[in-house]
PDB file of N, CA and C in Angstrom:
ATOM      1  N   UNK A   1      94.029 129.558 137.051  1.00  0.00           N
ATOM      2  CA  UNK A   1      93.307 130.556 136.293  1.00  0.00           C
ATOM      3  C   UNK A   1      92.227 129.860 135.473  1.00  0.00           C
ATOM      4  N   UNK A   2      91.016 130.267 135.609  1.00  0.00           N
ATOM      5  CA  UNK A   2      89.890 129.651 134.915  1.00  0.00           C
ATOM      6  C   UNK A   2      89.800 130.177 133.492  1.00  0.00           C
ATOM      7  N   UNK A   3      89.412 129.298 132.595  1.00  0.00           N
ATOM      8  CA  UNK A   3      89.246 129.675 131.197  1.00  0.00           C
ATOM      9  C   UNK A   3      87.772 129.973 130.958  1.00  0.00           C
ATOM     10  N   UNK A   4      87.517 131.042 130.252  1.00  0.00           N
ATOM     11  CA  UNK A   4      86.125 131.401 129.986  1.00  0.00           C
ATOM     12  C   UNK A   4      85.505 130.381 129.032  1.00  0.00           C
ATOM     13  N   UNK A   5      84.187 130.198 129.120  1.00  0.00           N
ATOM     14  CA  UNK A   5      83.530 129.227 128.237  1.00  0.00           C
ATOM     15  C   UNK A   5      83.719 129.546 126.762  1.00  0.00           C
ATOM     16  N   UNK A   6      83.766 130.828 126.430  1.00  0.00           N
ATOM     17  CA  UNK A   6      83.953 131.207 125.029  1.00  0.00           C
ATOM     18  C   UNK A   6      85.312 130.745 124.524  1.00  0.00           C
ATOM     19  N   UNK A   7      86.310 130.876 125.360  1.00  0.00           N
ATOM     20  CA  UNK A   7      87.652 130.459 124.958  1.00  0.00           C
ATOM     21  C   UNK A   7      87.716 128.947 124.781  1.00  0.00           C
ATOM     22  N   UNK A   8      87.037 128.208 125.666  1.00  0.00           N
ATOM     23  CA  UNK A   8      87.007 126.751 125.534  1.00  0.00           C
ATOM     24  C   UNK A   8      86.359 126.339 124.218  1.00  0.00           C
ATOM     25  N   UNK A   9      85.276 127.010 123.868  1.00  0.00           N
ATOM     26  CA  UNK A   9      84.590 126.698 122.620  1.00  0.00           C
ATOM     27  C   UNK A   9      85.511 126.983 121.440  1.00  0.00           C
ATOM     28  N   UNK A  10      86.210 128.109 121.488  1.00  0.00           N
ATOM     29  CA  UNK A  10      87.129 128.455 120.397  1.00  0.00           C
ATOM     30  C   UNK A  10      88.259 127.431 120.280  1.00  0.00           C
ATOM     31  N   UNK A  11      88.794 127.016 121.415  1.00  0.00           N
ATOM     32  CA  UNK A  11      89.868 126.020 121.401  1.00  0.00           C
ATOM     33  C   UNK A  11      89.345 124.702 120.843  1.00  0.00           C
ATOM     34  N   UNK A  12      88.145 124.291 121.244  1.00  0.00           N
ATOM     35  CA  UNK A  12      87.572 123.043 120.742  1.00  0.00           C
ATOM     36  C   UNK A  12      87.320 123.124 119.240  1.00  0.00           C
ATOM     37  N   UNK A  13      86.821 124.262 118.767  1.00  0.00           N
ATOM     38  CA  UNK A  13      86.600 124.429 117.330  1.00  0.00           C
ATOM     39  C   UNK A  13      87.926 124.375 116.581  1.00  0.00           C
ATOM     40  N   UNK A  14      88.967 124.963 117.168  1.00  0.00           N
ATOM     41  CA  UNK A  14      90.284 124.957 116.531  1.00  0.00           C
ATOM     42  C   UNK A  14      90.819 123.526 116.451  1.00  0.00           C
ATOM     43  N   UNK A  15      90.667 122.767 117.534  1.00  0.00           N
ATOM     44  CA  UNK A  15      91.116 121.378 117.526  1.00  0.00           C
ATOM     45  C   UNK A  15      90.329 120.556 116.505  1.00  0.00           C
ATOM     46  N   UNK A  16      89.026 120.787 116.430  1.00  0.00           N
ATOM     47  CA  UNK A  16      88.213 120.071 115.453  1.00  0.00           C
ATOM     48  C   UNK A  16      88.623 120.417 114.030  1.00  0.00           C
ATOM     49  N   UNK A  17      88.965 121.671 113.785  1.00  0.00           N
ATOM     50  CA  UNK A  17      89.388 122.054 112.436  1.00  0.00           C
ATOM     51  C   UNK A  17      90.706 121.389 112.080  1.00  0.00           C
ATOM     52  N   UNK A  18      91.614 121.249 113.035  1.00  0.00           N
ATOM     53  CA  UNK A  18      92.873 120.546 112.762  1.00  0.00           C
ATOM     54  C   UNK A  18      92.602 119.093 112.422  1.00  0.00           C
ATOM     55  N   UNK A  19      91.684 118.476 113.150  1.00  0.00           N
ATOM     56  CA  UNK A  19      91.342 117.092 112.905  1.00  0.00           C
ATOM     57  C   UNK A  19      90.750 116.928 111.519  1.00  0.00           C
ATOM     58  N   UNK A  20      89.886 117.830 111.103  1.00  0.00           N
ATOM     59  CA  UNK A  20      89.258 117.748 109.792  1.00  0.00           C
ATOM     60  C   UNK A  20      90.287 117.927 108.682  1.00  0.00           C
ATOM     61  N   UNK A  21      91.248 118.812 108.879  1.00  0.00           N
ATOM     62  CA  UNK A  21      92.275 119.032 107.861  1.00  0.00           C
ATOM     63  C   UNK A  21      93.105 117.780 107.684  1.00  0.00           C
ATOM     64  N   UNK A  22      93.369 117.086 108.783  1.00  0.00           N
ATOM     65  CA  UNK A  22      94.200 115.893 108.717  1.00  0.00           C
ATOM     66  C   UNK A  22      93.534 114.804 107.886  1.00  0.00           C
ATOM     67  N   UNK A  23      92.238 114.671 107.988  1.00  0.00           N
ATOM     68  CA  UNK A  23      91.537 113.615 107.294  1.00  0.00           C
ATOM     69  C   UNK A  23      90.826 114.095 106.036  1.00  0.00           C
ATOM     70  N   UNK A  24      91.067 115.335 105.661  1.00  0.00           N
ATOM     71  CA  UNK A  24      90.403 115.867 104.470  1.00  0.00           C
ATOM     72  C   UNK A  24      91.014 115.237 103.225  1.00  0.00           C
ATOM     73  N   UNK A  25      90.232 115.108 102.205  1.00  0.00           N
ATOM     74  CA  UNK A  25      90.703 114.553 100.942  1.00  0.00           C
ATOM     75  C   UNK A  25      89.523 114.345 100.020  1.00  0.00           C
ATOM     76  N   UNK A  26      89.834 114.104  98.797  1.00  0.00           N
ATOM     77  CA  UNK A  26      88.764 113.925  97.830  1.00  0.00           C
ATOM     78  C   UNK A  26      88.180 112.516  97.924  1.00  0.00           C
ATOM     79  N   UNK A  27      87.070 112.339  97.271  1.00  0.00           N
ATOM     80  CA  UNK A  27      86.422 111.020  97.221  1.00  0.00           C
ATOM     81  C   UNK A  27      87.339 110.018  96.524  1.00  0.00           C
ATOM     82  N   UNK A  28      88.052 110.476  95.509  1.00  0.00           N
ATOM     83  CA  UNK A  28      88.991 109.610  94.787  1.00  0.00           C
ATOM     84  C   UNK A  28      90.078 109.076  95.713  1.00  0.00           C
ATOM     85  N   UNK A  29      90.656 109.939  96.539  1.00  0.00           N
ATOM     86  CA  UNK A  29      91.720 109.507  97.451  1.00  0.00           C
ATOM     87  C   UNK A  29      91.193 108.516  98.480  1.00  0.00           C
ATOM     88  N   UNK A  30      89.982 108.762  98.990  1.00  0.00           N
ATOM     89  CA  UNK A  30      89.398 107.862  99.965  1.00  0.00           C
ATOM     90  C   UNK A  30      89.170 106.487  99.346  1.00  0.00           C
ATOM     91  N   UNK A  31      88.657 106.470  98.125  1.00  0.00           N
ATOM     92  CA  UNK A  31      88.405 105.202  97.435  1.00  0.00           C
ATOM     93  C   UNK A  31      89.716 104.481  97.126  1.00  0.00           C
ATOM     94  N   UNK A  32      90.723 105.234  96.669  1.00  0.00           N
ATOM     95  CA  UNK A  32      92.027 104.647  96.360  1.00  0.00           C
ATOM     96  C   UNK A  32      92.663 104.037  97.602  1.00  0.00           C
ATOM     97  N   UNK A  33      92.610 104.765  98.721  1.00  0.00           N
ATOM     98  CA  UNK A  33      93.190 104.256  99.962  1.00  0.00           C
ATOM     99  C   UNK A  33      92.472 102.997 100.434  1.00  0.00           C
ATOM    100  N   UNK A  34      91.146 102.973 100.290  1.00  0.00           N
ATOM    101  CA  UNK A  34      90.386 101.798 100.696  1.00  0.00           C
ATOM    102  C   UNK A  34      90.750 100.593  99.831  1.00  0.00           C
ATOM    103  N   UNK A  35      90.915 100.793  98.524  1.00  0.00           N
ATOM    104  CA  UNK A  35      91.308  99.698  97.633  1.00  0.00           C
ATOM    105  C   UNK A  35      92.702  99.186  97.982  1.00  0.00           C
ATOM    106  N   UNK A  36      93.617 100.097  98.255  1.00  0.00           N
ATOM    107  CA  UNK A  36      94.975  99.688  98.633  1.00  0.00           C
ATOM    108  C   UNK A  36      94.958  98.887  99.930  1.00  0.00           C
ATOM    109  N   UNK A  37      94.179  99.357 100.898  1.00  0.00           N
ATOM    110  CA  UNK A  37      94.092  98.651 102.181  1.00  0.00           C
ATOM    111  C   UNK A  37      93.548  97.239 101.984  1.00  0.00           C
ATOM    112  N   UNK A  38      92.496  97.107 101.189  1.00  0.00           N
ATOM    113  CA  UNK A  38      91.915  95.787 100.944  1.00  0.00           C
ATOM    114  C   UNK A  38      92.899  94.868 100.224  1.00  0.00           C
ATOM    115  N   UNK A  39      93.655  95.423  99.272  1.00  0.00           N
ATOM    116  CA  UNK A  39      94.651  94.631  98.552  1.00  0.00           C
ATOM    117  C   UNK A  39      95.744  94.163  99.500  1.00  0.00           C
ATOM    118  N   UNK A  40      96.213  95.052 100.354  1.00  0.00           N
ATOM    119  CA  UNK A  40      97.264  94.687 101.303  1.00  0.00           C
ATOM    120  C   UNK A  40      96.782  93.614 102.267  1.00  0.00           C
ATOM    121  N   UNK A  41      95.567  93.746 102.748  1.00  0.00           N
ATOM    122  CA  UNK A  41      95.037  92.765 103.685  1.00  0.00           C
ATOM    123  C   UNK A  41      94.880  91.409 103.012  1.00  0.00           C
ATOM    124  N   UNK A  42      94.415  91.392 101.762  1.00  0.00           N
ATOM    125  CA  UNK A  42      94.261  90.103 101.071  1.00  0.00           C
ATOM    126  C   UNK A  42      95.622  89.464 100.808  1.00  0.00           C
ATOM    127  N   UNK A  43      96.644  90.265 100.476  1.00  0.00           N
ATOM    128  CA  UNK A  43      97.998  89.716 100.310  1.00  0.00           C
ATOM    129  C   UNK A  43      98.503  89.135 101.617  1.00  0.00           C
ATOM    130  N   UNK A  44      98.243  89.821 102.706  1.00  0.00           N
ATOM    131  CA  UNK A  44      98.663  89.329 104.019  1.00  0.00           C
ATOM    132  C   UNK A  44      97.990  88.017 104.369  1.00  0.00           C
ATOM    133  N   UNK A  45      96.681  87.920 104.107  1.00  0.00           N
ATOM    134  CA  UNK A  45      95.951  86.676 104.369  1.00  0.00           C
ATOM    135  C   UNK A  45      96.519  85.524 103.561  1.00  0.00           C
ATOM    136  N   UNK A  46      96.735  85.766 102.265  1.00  0.00           N
ATOM    137  CA  UNK A  46      97.282  84.710 101.398  1.00  0.00           C
ATOM    138  C   UNK A  46      98.653  84.268 101.877  1.00  0.00           C
ATOM    139  N   UNK A  47      99.487  85.219 102.250  1.00  0.00           N
ATOM    140  CA  UNK A  47     100.822  84.885 102.732  1.00  0.00           C
ATOM    141  C   UNK A  47     100.784  84.089 104.018  1.00  0.00           C
ATOM    142  N   UNK A  48      99.913  84.478 104.942  1.00  0.00           N
ATOM    143  CA  UNK A  48      99.797  83.744 106.206  1.00  0.00           C
ATOM    144  C   UNK A  48      99.258  82.337 105.983  1.00  0.00           C
ATOM    145  N   UNK A  49      98.293  82.198 105.097  1.00  0.00           N
ATOM    146  CA  UNK A  49      97.771  80.867 104.796  1.00  0.00           C
ATOM    147  C   UNK A  49      98.838  79.994 104.138  1.00  0.00           C
ATOM    148  N   UNK A  50      99.631  80.591 103.256  1.00  0.00           N
ATOM    149  CA  UNK A  50     100.696  79.829 102.598  1.00  0.00           C
ATOM    150  C   UNK A  50     101.730  79.366 103.621  1.00  0.00           C
ATOM    151  N   UNK A  51     102.145  80.252 104.503  1.00  0.00           N
ATOM    152  CA  UNK A  51     103.159  79.885 105.492  1.00  0.00           C
ATOM    153  C   UNK A  51     102.651  78.788 106.433  1.00  0.00           C
ATOM    154  N   UNK A  52     101.352  78.685 106.625  1.00  0.00           N
ATOM    155  CA  UNK A  52     100.802  77.601 107.447  1.00  0.00           C
ATOM    156  C   UNK A  52     100.848  76.261 106.726  1.00  0.00           C
ATOM    157  N   UNK A  53     100.851  76.266 105.395  1.00  0.00           N
ATOM    158  CA  UNK A  53     100.847  75.009 104.643  1.00  0.00           C
ATOM    159  C   UNK A  53     102.241  74.452 104.401  1.00  0.00           C
ATOM    160  N   UNK A  54     103.281  75.228 104.660  1.00  0.00           N
ATOM    161  CA  UNK A  54     104.655  74.782 104.410  1.00  0.00           C
ATOM    162  C   UNK A  54     105.022  73.684 105.396  1.00  0.00           C
ATOM    163  N   UNK A  55     105.543  72.591 104.874  1.00  0.00           N
ATOM    164  CA  UNK A  55     106.016  71.488 105.717  1.00  0.00           C
ATOM    165  C   UNK A  55     107.412  71.825 106.213  1.00  0.00           C
ATOM    166  N   UNK A  56     107.629  71.684 107.492  1.00  0.00           N
ATOM    167  CA  UNK A  56     108.919  72.031 108.091  1.00  0.00           C
ATOM    168  C   UNK A  56     109.620  70.770 108.594  1.00  0.00           C
ATOM    169  N   UNK A  57     110.934  70.710 108.322  1.00  0.00           N
ATOM    170  CA  UNK A  57     111.719  69.574 108.802  1.00  0.00           C
ATOM    171  C   UNK A  57     111.924  69.669 110.307  1.00  0.00           C
ATOM    172  N   UNK A  58     112.329  70.860 110.745  1.00  0.00           N
ATOM    173  CA  UNK A  58     112.526  71.094 112.170  1.00  0.00           C
ATOM    174  C   UNK A  58     111.472  72.080 112.646  1.00  0.00           C
ATOM    175  N   UNK A  59     110.997  71.874 113.846  1.00  0.00           N
ATOM    176  CA  UNK A  59     110.050  72.817 114.425  1.00  0.00           C
ATOM    177  C   UNK A  59     110.851  73.826 115.237  1.00  0.00           C
ATOM    178  N   UNK A  60     110.917  75.027 114.705  1.00  0.00           N
ATOM    179  CA  UNK A  60     111.637  76.113 115.353  1.00  0.00           C
ATOM    180  C   UNK A  60     110.743  77.344 115.287  1.00  0.00           C
ATOM    181  N   UNK A  61     110.456  77.956 116.398  1.00  0.00           N
ATOM    182  CA  UNK A  61     109.523  79.083 116.444  1.00  0.00           C
ATOM    183  C   UNK A  61     110.139  80.336 115.827  1.00  0.00           C
ATOM    184  N   UNK A  62     111.439  80.474 115.928  1.00  0.00           N
ATOM    185  CA  UNK A  62     112.090  81.695 115.474  1.00  0.00           C
ATOM    186  C   UNK A  62     111.990  81.888 113.958  1.00  0.00           C
ATOM    187  N   UNK A  63     112.159  80.830 113.183  1.00  0.00           N
ATOM    188  CA  UNK A  63     112.129  80.963 111.728  1.00  0.00           C
ATOM    189  C   UNK A  63     110.757  81.374 111.198  1.00  0.00           C
ATOM    190  N   UNK A  64     109.654  80.710 111.588  1.00  0.00           N
ATOM    191  CA  UNK A  64     108.356  81.186 111.097  1.00  0.00           C
ATOM    192  C   UNK A  64     108.017  82.595 111.578  1.00  0.00           C
ATOM    193  N   UNK A  65     108.463  82.949 112.778  1.00  0.00           N
ATOM    194  CA  UNK A  65     108.234  84.302 113.270  1.00  0.00           C
ATOM    195  C   UNK A  65     108.908  85.312 112.368  1.00  0.00           C
ATOM    196  N   UNK A  66     110.145  85.040 112.021  1.00  0.00           N
ATOM    197  CA  UNK A  66     110.893  85.922 111.136  1.00  0.00           C
ATOM    198  C   UNK A  66     110.255  85.983 109.748  1.00  0.00           C
ATOM    199  N   UNK A  67     109.857  84.836 109.221  1.00  0.00           N
ATOM    200  CA  UNK A  67     109.247  84.803 107.892  1.00  0.00           C
ATOM    201  C   UNK A  67     107.928  85.567 107.856  1.00  0.00           C
ATOM    202  N   UNK A  68     107.115  85.400 108.880  1.00  0.00           N
ATOM    203  CA  UNK A  68     105.821  86.078 108.929  1.00  0.00           C
ATOM    204  C   UNK A  68     106.016  87.585 109.008  1.00  0.00           C
ATOM    205  N   UNK A  69     106.896  88.034 109.884  1.00  0.00           N
ATOM    206  CA  UNK A  69     107.085  89.479 110.029  1.00  0.00           C
ATOM    207  C   UNK A  69     107.674  90.096 108.763  1.00  0.00           C
ATOM    208  N   UNK A  70     108.608  89.398 108.117  1.00  0.00           N
ATOM    209  CA  UNK A  70     109.160  89.934 106.859  1.00  0.00           C
ATOM    210  C   UNK A  70     108.105  90.000 105.772  1.00  0.00           C
ATOM    211  N   UNK A  71     107.295  88.950 105.660  1.00  0.00           N
ATOM    212  CA  UNK A  71     106.265  88.916 104.625  1.00  0.00           C
ATOM    213  C   UNK A  71     105.238  90.021 104.853  1.00  0.00           C
ATOM    214  N   UNK A  72     104.814  90.214 106.102  1.00  0.00           N
ATOM    215  CA  UNK A  72     103.829  91.252 106.385  1.00  0.00           C
ATOM    216  C   UNK A  72     104.404  92.652 106.186  1.00  0.00           C
ATOM    217  N   UNK A  73     105.662  92.840 106.517  1.00  0.00           N
ATOM    218  CA  UNK A  73     106.304  94.135 106.271  1.00  0.00           C
ATOM    219  C   UNK A  73     106.436  94.401 104.783  1.00  0.00           C
ATOM    220  N   UNK A  74     106.796  93.384 104.027  1.00  0.00           N
ATOM    221  CA  UNK A  74     106.953  93.531 102.579  1.00  0.00           C
ATOM    222  C   UNK A  74     105.642  93.932 101.915  1.00  0.00           C
ATOM    223  N   UNK A  75     104.548  93.335 102.371  1.00  0.00           N
ATOM    224  CA  UNK A  75     103.255  93.649 101.770  1.00  0.00           C
ATOM    225  C   UNK A  75     102.570  94.826 102.463  1.00  0.00           C
ATOM    226  N   UNK A  76     103.249  95.472 103.390  1.00  0.00           N
ATOM    227  CA  UNK A  76     102.784  96.683 104.080  1.00  0.00           C
ATOM    228  C   UNK A  76     101.471  96.476 104.815  1.00  0.00           C
ATOM    229  N   UNK A  77     101.329  95.320 105.438  1.00  0.00           N
ATOM    230  CA  UNK A  77     100.078  95.052 106.155  1.00  0.00           C
ATOM    231  C   UNK A  77     100.327  94.548 107.575  1.00  0.00           C
ATOM    232  N   UNK A  78     101.483  94.816 108.118  1.00  0.00           N
ATOM    233  CA  UNK A  78     101.825  94.338 109.459  1.00  0.00           C
ATOM    234  C   UNK A  78     100.873  94.897 110.508  1.00  0.00           C
ATOM    235  N   UNK A  79     100.433  96.139 110.328  1.00  0.00           N
ATOM    236  CA  UNK A  79      99.583  96.761 111.334  1.00  0.00           C
ATOM    237  C   UNK A  79      98.143  96.252 111.323  1.00  0.00           C
ATOM    238  N   UNK A  80      97.756  95.499 110.301  1.00  0.00           N
ATOM    239  CA  UNK A  80      96.385  95.024 110.188  1.00  0.00           C
ATOM    240  C   UNK A  80      96.154  93.668 110.845  1.00  0.00           C
ATOM    241  N   UNK A  81      97.217  92.992 111.294  1.00  0.00           N
ATOM    242  CA  UNK A  81      97.094  91.633 111.827  1.00  0.00           C
ATOM    243  C   UNK A  81      97.728  91.505 113.201  1.00  0.00           C
ATOM    244  N   UNK A  82      97.126  90.675 114.038  1.00  0.00           N
ATOM    245  CA  UNK A  82      97.740  90.189 115.279  1.00  0.00           C
ATOM    246  C   UNK A  82      98.111  88.742 115.013  1.00  0.00           C
ATOM    247  N   UNK A  83      99.406  88.443 115.064  1.00  0.00           N
ATOM    248  CA  UNK A  83      99.893  87.115 114.681  1.00  0.00           C
ATOM    249  C   UNK A  83     100.492  86.426 115.904  1.00  0.00           C
ATOM    250  N   UNK A  84     100.188  85.140 116.037  1.00  0.00           N
ATOM    251  CA  UNK A  84     100.751  84.312 117.096  1.00  0.00           C
ATOM    252  C   UNK A  84     101.341  83.060 116.468  1.00  0.00           C
ATOM    253  N   UNK A  85     102.555  82.724 116.883  1.00  0.00           N
ATOM    254  CA  UNK A  85     103.219  81.504 116.423  1.00  0.00           C
ATOM    255  C   UNK A  85     103.138  80.492 117.560  1.00  0.00           C
ATOM    256  N   UNK A  86     102.534  79.348 117.269  1.00  0.00           N
ATOM    257  CA  UNK A  86     102.378  78.296 118.280  1.00  0.00           C
ATOM    258  C   UNK A  86     103.697  77.531 118.439  1.00  0.00           C
ATOM    259  N   UNK A  87     103.776  76.709 119.460  1.00  0.00           N
ATOM    260  CA  UNK A  87     104.979  75.911 119.719  1.00  0.00           C
ATOM    261  C   UNK A  87     105.241  74.896 118.609  1.00  0.00           C
ATOM    262  N   UNK A  88     104.180  74.442 117.935  1.00  0.00           N
ATOM    263  CA  UNK A  88     104.365  73.468 116.861  1.00  0.00           C
ATOM    264  C   UNK A  88     104.714  74.139 115.531  1.00  0.00           C
ATOM    265  N   UNK A  89     104.888  75.463 115.525  1.00  0.00           N
ATOM    266  CA  UNK A  89     105.283  76.177 114.313  1.00  0.00           C
ATOM    267  C   UNK A  89     104.124  76.685 113.477  1.00  0.00           C
ATOM    268  N   UNK A  90     102.888  76.392 113.887  1.00  0.00           N
ATOM    269  CA  UNK A  90     101.715  76.865 113.149  1.00  0.00           C
ATOM    270  C   UNK A  90     101.442  78.328 113.499  1.00  0.00           C
ATOM    271  N   UNK A  91     100.940  79.026 112.506  1.00  0.00           N
ATOM    272  CA  UNK A  91     100.644  80.443 112.671  1.00  0.00           C
ATOM    273  C   UNK A  91      99.145  80.631 112.839  1.00  0.00           C
ATOM    274  N   UNK A  92      98.757  81.373 113.843  1.00  0.00           N
ATOM    275  CA  UNK A  92      97.356  81.770 113.975  1.00  0.00           C
ATOM    276  C   UNK A  92      97.323  83.290 113.998  1.00  0.00           C
ATOM    277  N   UNK A  93      96.292  83.847 113.410  1.00  0.00           N
ATOM    278  CA  UNK A  93      96.225  85.300 113.315  1.00  0.00           C
ATOM    279  C   UNK A  93      94.782  85.760 113.392  1.00  0.00           C
ATOM    280  N   UNK A  94      94.660  87.039 113.667  1.00  0.00           N
ATOM    281  CA  UNK A  94      93.351  87.683 113.626  1.00  0.00           C
ATOM    282  C   UNK A  94      93.549  89.083 113.056  1.00  0.00           C
ATOM    283  N   UNK A  95      92.523  89.563 112.393  1.00  0.00           N
ATOM    284  CA  UNK A  95      92.597  90.903 111.833  1.00  0.00           C
ATOM    285  C   UNK A  95      92.234  91.907 112.909  1.00  0.00           C
ATOM    286  N   UNK A  96      92.931  93.022 112.924  1.00  0.00           N
ATOM    287  CA  UNK A  96      92.680  94.056 113.914  1.00  0.00           C
ATOM    288  C   UNK A  96      91.568  94.968 113.402  1.00  0.00           C
ATOM    289  N   UNK A  97      90.385  94.793 113.934  1.00  0.00           N
ATOM    290  CA  UNK A  97      89.231  95.569 113.453  1.00  0.00           C
ATOM    291  C   UNK A  97      89.323  97.027 113.855  1.00  0.00           C
ATOM    292  N   UNK A  98      90.097  97.354 114.910  1.00  0.00           N
ATOM    293  CA  UNK A  98      90.225  98.751 115.298  1.00  0.00           C
ATOM    294  C   UNK A  98      91.069  99.549 114.302  1.00  0.00           C
ATOM    295  N   UNK A  99      91.958  98.868 113.569  1.00  0.00           N
ATOM    296  CA  UNK A  99      92.793  99.543 112.580  1.00  0.00           C
ATOM    297  C   UNK A  99      92.110  99.545 111.213  1.00  0.00           C
ATOM    298  N   UNK A 100      91.407  98.457 110.906  1.00  0.00           N
ATOM    299  CA  UNK A 100      90.710  98.350 109.622  1.00  0.00           C
ATOM    300  C   UNK A 100      89.402  99.112 109.765  1.00  0.00           C
ATOM    301  N   UNK A 101      89.229 100.104 108.930  1.00  0.00           N
ATOM    302  CA  UNK A 101      88.039 100.949 109.049  1.00  0.00           C
ATOM    303  C   UNK A 101      86.909 100.395 108.246  1.00  0.00           C
TER     304      UNK A 101
END
């Protein structure tokens, strides 16, 4: 059954209105969220840099992996980073630009 063009336009407008409602908010909320995001990302960077400077007696990949994931979860910034643990225990990371607006 074919949908009339008018109905398609109405459905598209309805979908667009739902999208706008989801992201609607005041300027204050947008600014507050941006500040929180920047704070979380800076905490994550500092934590990752610190974990790279720690001297380890044994080289074990599992322990730094666990420490990194716990630290990023604690600071609520796990979704902003792609983290890789090398065989020598060093952490390398990159920020996810698709998530950071």
